N, C-alpha and C. Protein backbone atom coordinates (compact mmCIF):
# COMPACT_ATOMS: atom_id res chain seq x y z
N UNK A 1 111.37 103.86 114.31
CA UNK A 1 110.70 102.62 114.65
C UNK A 1 111.73 101.51 114.85
N UNK A 2 112.71 101.44 113.95
CA UNK A 2 113.75 100.39 114.08
C UNK A 2 114.50 100.53 115.40
N UNK A 3 114.81 101.75 115.76
CA UNK A 3 115.54 101.99 117.02
C UNK A 3 114.70 101.52 118.21
N UNK A 4 113.40 101.82 118.19
CA UNK A 4 112.51 101.38 119.26
C UNK A 4 112.49 99.85 119.33
N UNK A 5 112.33 99.20 118.18
CA UNK A 5 112.26 97.74 118.15
C UNK A 5 113.55 97.10 118.66
N UNK A 6 114.69 97.69 118.33
CA UNK A 6 115.97 97.13 118.79
C UNK A 6 116.12 97.21 120.30
N UNK A 7 115.35 98.06 120.96
CA UNK A 7 115.42 98.18 122.41
C UNK A 7 114.50 97.23 123.16
N UNK A 8 113.68 96.47 122.45
CA UNK A 8 112.73 95.57 123.11
C UNK A 8 113.39 94.29 123.58
N UNK A 9 112.92 93.81 124.73
CA UNK A 9 113.43 92.54 125.26
C UNK A 9 113.04 91.41 124.31
N UNK A 10 114.00 90.56 123.99
CA UNK A 10 113.74 89.42 123.12
C UNK A 10 114.15 89.67 121.68
N UNK A 11 114.26 90.93 121.27
CA UNK A 11 114.64 91.26 119.90
C UNK A 11 116.12 90.95 119.72
N UNK A 12 116.47 90.25 118.64
CA UNK A 12 117.87 89.94 118.37
C UNK A 12 118.38 90.63 117.12
N UNK A 13 117.48 91.02 116.21
CA UNK A 13 117.92 91.63 114.97
C UNK A 13 116.75 92.31 114.28
N UNK A 14 117.03 93.47 113.66
CA UNK A 14 116.04 94.10 112.79
C UNK A 14 116.72 94.35 111.44
N UNK A 15 115.92 94.31 110.41
CA UNK A 15 116.40 94.61 109.05
C UNK A 15 115.38 95.55 108.42
N UNK A 16 115.83 96.72 108.01
CA UNK A 16 114.92 97.75 107.48
C UNK A 16 115.17 98.02 106.01
N UNK A 17 114.09 98.27 105.28
CA UNK A 17 114.17 98.68 103.88
C UNK A 17 113.20 99.84 103.70
N UNK A 18 113.67 100.91 103.08
CA UNK A 18 112.83 102.08 102.85
C UNK A 18 112.77 102.34 101.35
N UNK A 19 111.58 102.58 100.84
CA UNK A 19 111.40 102.87 99.43
C UNK A 19 110.92 101.67 98.63
N UNK A 20 111.03 100.48 99.19
CA UNK A 20 110.62 99.25 98.52
C UNK A 20 110.84 98.06 99.44
N UNK A 21 110.45 96.88 98.98
CA UNK A 21 110.58 95.70 99.83
C UNK A 21 112.02 95.22 99.91
N UNK A 22 112.30 94.37 100.89
CA UNK A 22 113.60 93.71 100.98
C UNK A 22 113.77 92.87 99.72
N UNK A 23 114.86 93.05 99.02
CA UNK A 23 115.09 92.31 97.78
C UNK A 23 115.13 90.80 98.01
N UNK A 24 115.63 90.40 99.16
CA UNK A 24 115.76 88.97 99.45
C UNK A 24 114.40 88.26 99.50
N UNK A 25 113.34 88.98 99.85
CA UNK A 25 112.05 88.35 100.07
C UNK A 25 111.02 88.68 99.00
N UNK A 26 111.40 89.28 97.88
CA UNK A 26 110.41 89.67 96.88
C UNK A 26 109.78 88.49 96.18
N UNK A 27 110.37 87.31 96.24
CA UNK A 27 109.76 86.15 95.61
C UNK A 27 108.64 85.55 96.44
N UNK A 28 108.63 85.80 97.73
CA UNK A 28 107.62 85.18 98.59
C UNK A 28 106.63 86.18 99.18
N UNK A 29 106.81 87.47 98.92
CA UNK A 29 105.88 88.47 99.41
C UNK A 29 105.43 89.37 98.28
N UNK A 30 104.27 89.98 98.47
CA UNK A 30 103.71 90.91 97.49
C UNK A 30 104.70 92.03 97.19
N UNK A 31 105.01 92.24 95.93
CA UNK A 31 105.95 93.29 95.52
C UNK A 31 105.23 94.63 95.53
N UNK A 32 105.86 95.61 96.15
CA UNK A 32 105.31 96.97 96.22
C UNK A 32 106.07 97.86 95.24
N UNK A 33 105.38 98.88 94.73
CA UNK A 33 106.04 99.86 93.88
C UNK A 33 107.04 100.65 94.70
N UNK A 34 108.07 101.15 94.04
CA UNK A 34 109.07 101.97 94.71
C UNK A 34 108.39 103.27 95.17
N UNK A 35 108.53 103.58 96.47
CA UNK A 35 107.91 104.77 97.04
C UNK A 35 108.63 105.15 98.32
N UNK A 36 108.92 106.43 98.48
CA UNK A 36 109.57 106.89 99.71
C UNK A 36 108.63 106.78 100.90
N UNK A 37 107.35 106.55 100.65
CA UNK A 37 106.37 106.40 101.73
C UNK A 37 106.30 104.96 102.24
N UNK A 38 107.02 104.05 101.60
CA UNK A 38 106.97 102.63 101.96
C UNK A 38 108.20 102.25 102.76
N UNK A 39 107.99 101.50 103.82
CA UNK A 39 109.10 100.97 104.61
C UNK A 39 108.72 99.58 105.10
N UNK A 40 109.72 98.75 105.27
CA UNK A 40 109.51 97.40 105.78
C UNK A 40 110.59 97.11 106.82
N UNK A 41 110.16 96.60 107.97
CA UNK A 41 111.10 96.24 109.03
C UNK A 41 110.83 94.79 109.40
N UNK A 42 111.86 93.98 109.33
CA UNK A 42 111.76 92.59 109.75
C UNK A 42 112.44 92.46 111.10
N UNK A 43 111.74 91.88 112.07
CA UNK A 43 112.25 91.75 113.43
C UNK A 43 112.43 90.27 113.75
N UNK A 44 113.58 89.94 114.30
CA UNK A 44 113.85 88.57 114.75
C UNK A 44 113.90 88.57 116.27
N UNK A 45 113.28 87.55 116.88
CA UNK A 45 113.31 87.41 118.33
C UNK A 45 114.12 86.17 118.71
N UNK A 46 114.52 86.13 119.99
CA UNK A 46 115.28 84.98 120.48
C UNK A 46 114.48 83.69 120.36
N UNK A 47 113.19 83.75 120.73
CA UNK A 47 112.33 82.58 120.68
C UNK A 47 110.99 82.94 120.03
N UNK A 48 110.29 81.94 119.55
CA UNK A 48 108.95 82.18 118.96
C UNK A 48 107.97 82.69 120.01
N UNK A 49 108.17 82.27 121.25
CA UNK A 49 107.26 82.69 122.31
C UNK A 49 107.31 84.20 122.55
N UNK A 50 108.37 84.86 122.17
CA UNK A 50 108.52 86.30 122.38
C UNK A 50 107.86 87.13 121.28
N UNK A 51 107.48 86.50 120.20
CA UNK A 51 106.90 87.24 119.07
C UNK A 51 105.66 88.02 119.49
N UNK A 52 104.74 87.38 120.20
CA UNK A 52 103.49 88.06 120.58
C UNK A 52 103.74 89.31 121.42
N UNK A 53 104.66 89.23 122.36
CA UNK A 53 104.95 90.38 123.22
C UNK A 53 105.58 91.52 122.41
N UNK A 54 106.54 91.20 121.56
CA UNK A 54 107.17 92.22 120.71
C UNK A 54 106.12 92.83 119.78
N UNK A 55 105.25 91.98 119.24
CA UNK A 55 104.18 92.42 118.35
C UNK A 55 103.28 93.44 119.05
N UNK A 56 102.83 93.10 120.27
CA UNK A 56 101.94 94.00 121.02
C UNK A 56 102.62 95.33 121.32
N UNK A 57 103.88 95.29 121.68
CA UNK A 57 104.61 96.53 121.97
C UNK A 57 104.79 97.37 120.70
N UNK A 58 105.06 96.73 119.58
CA UNK A 58 105.20 97.45 118.31
C UNK A 58 103.87 98.10 117.92
N UNK A 59 102.77 97.37 118.04
CA UNK A 59 101.45 97.93 117.72
C UNK A 59 101.14 99.14 118.60
N UNK A 60 101.40 99.02 119.89
CA UNK A 60 101.13 100.13 120.81
C UNK A 60 101.98 101.35 120.46
N UNK A 61 103.25 101.13 120.14
CA UNK A 61 104.13 102.23 119.77
C UNK A 61 103.62 102.92 118.50
N UNK A 62 103.25 102.14 117.51
CA UNK A 62 102.74 102.71 116.26
C UNK A 62 101.47 103.52 116.49
N UNK A 63 100.55 102.99 117.29
CA UNK A 63 99.30 103.70 117.59
C UNK A 63 99.54 105.02 118.30
N UNK A 64 100.49 105.03 119.25
CA UNK A 64 100.73 106.22 120.06
C UNK A 64 101.67 107.22 119.40
N UNK A 65 102.80 106.75 118.89
CA UNK A 65 103.85 107.64 118.40
C UNK A 65 103.77 107.93 116.90
N UNK A 66 103.24 107.00 116.13
CA UNK A 66 103.16 107.18 114.68
C UNK A 66 101.72 107.01 114.21
N UNK A 67 100.80 107.65 114.91
CA UNK A 67 99.37 107.49 114.70
C UNK A 67 98.90 107.90 113.30
N UNK A 68 99.65 108.73 112.60
CA UNK A 68 99.25 109.20 111.27
C UNK A 68 99.61 108.21 110.16
N UNK A 69 100.32 107.14 110.52
CA UNK A 69 100.70 106.14 109.52
C UNK A 69 99.62 105.08 109.37
N UNK A 70 99.76 104.26 108.37
CA UNK A 70 98.82 103.16 108.13
C UNK A 70 99.62 101.85 108.14
N UNK A 71 100.07 101.41 109.32
CA UNK A 71 100.95 100.25 109.38
C UNK A 71 100.22 98.93 109.11
N UNK A 72 100.96 98.00 108.56
CA UNK A 72 100.48 96.64 108.34
C UNK A 72 101.50 95.71 108.97
N UNK A 73 101.10 94.95 109.97
CA UNK A 73 101.99 94.01 110.62
C UNK A 73 101.64 92.61 110.14
N UNK A 74 102.66 91.85 109.76
CA UNK A 74 102.45 90.47 109.29
C UNK A 74 103.55 89.59 109.85
N UNK A 75 103.21 88.34 110.09
CA UNK A 75 104.23 87.38 110.49
C UNK A 75 104.99 86.94 109.24
N UNK A 76 106.28 86.81 109.39
CA UNK A 76 107.13 86.37 108.28
C UNK A 76 106.99 84.87 108.12
N UNK A 77 106.77 84.45 106.91
CA UNK A 77 106.66 83.02 106.62
C UNK A 77 107.81 82.61 105.72
N UNK A 78 108.26 81.39 105.89
CA UNK A 78 109.21 80.84 104.92
C UNK A 78 108.40 80.00 103.95
N UNK A 79 108.80 80.01 102.72
CA UNK A 79 108.04 79.29 101.70
C UNK A 79 107.16 80.26 100.94
N UNK A 80 106.16 79.76 100.23
CA UNK A 80 105.30 80.63 99.41
C UNK A 80 104.62 81.70 100.26
N UNK A 81 104.50 82.90 99.71
CA UNK A 81 103.84 84.00 100.41
C UNK A 81 102.35 83.81 100.47
N UNK A 82 101.73 84.48 101.40
CA UNK A 82 100.28 84.34 101.57
C UNK A 82 99.52 85.46 100.89
N UNK A 83 100.20 86.44 100.30
CA UNK A 83 99.53 87.57 99.68
C UNK A 83 99.21 87.34 98.21
N UNK A 84 99.68 86.24 97.66
CA UNK A 84 99.50 85.99 96.24
C UNK A 84 98.06 85.57 95.93
N UNK A 85 97.60 85.98 94.76
CA UNK A 85 96.28 85.55 94.30
C UNK A 85 96.36 84.14 93.72
N UNK A 86 97.56 83.77 93.29
CA UNK A 86 97.76 82.47 92.68
C UNK A 86 99.09 81.90 93.15
N UNK A 87 99.08 80.68 93.59
CA UNK A 87 100.31 80.00 93.98
C UNK A 87 100.37 78.68 93.26
N UNK A 88 101.55 78.26 92.88
CA UNK A 88 101.71 76.98 92.18
C UNK A 88 102.98 76.31 92.66
N UNK A 89 102.90 75.00 92.79
CA UNK A 89 104.09 74.19 93.08
C UNK A 89 104.34 73.36 91.83
N UNK A 90 105.51 73.53 91.25
CA UNK A 90 105.83 72.83 90.01
C UNK A 90 106.79 71.69 90.31
N UNK A 91 106.35 70.45 90.12
CA UNK A 91 107.22 69.32 90.40
C UNK A 91 108.34 69.23 89.37
N UNK A 92 109.47 68.78 89.82
CA UNK A 92 110.61 68.60 88.93
C UNK A 92 110.50 67.24 88.25
N UNK A 93 110.95 67.16 87.00
CA UNK A 93 110.87 65.85 86.30
C UNK A 93 111.81 64.83 86.90
């Protein structure tokens, strides 16, 4: 999948983690248990406008070539994650 994504127009970088989440992002995204069945790929594009096209191509590839998987595609956010049941902002004194 990473190799396919790296070949798409507009893609500038991919970062893959297999067996668990990217350690850098565990504070802002739902933490998954360690499992060889789990993989996460973060894709960076040249511009925000290219995200939708890369997204559609990735979805189509997953449906056709990796149809037995159960993929979850999400947009990467900076700041607090959206998967949390509880979020808090603690002001500094």
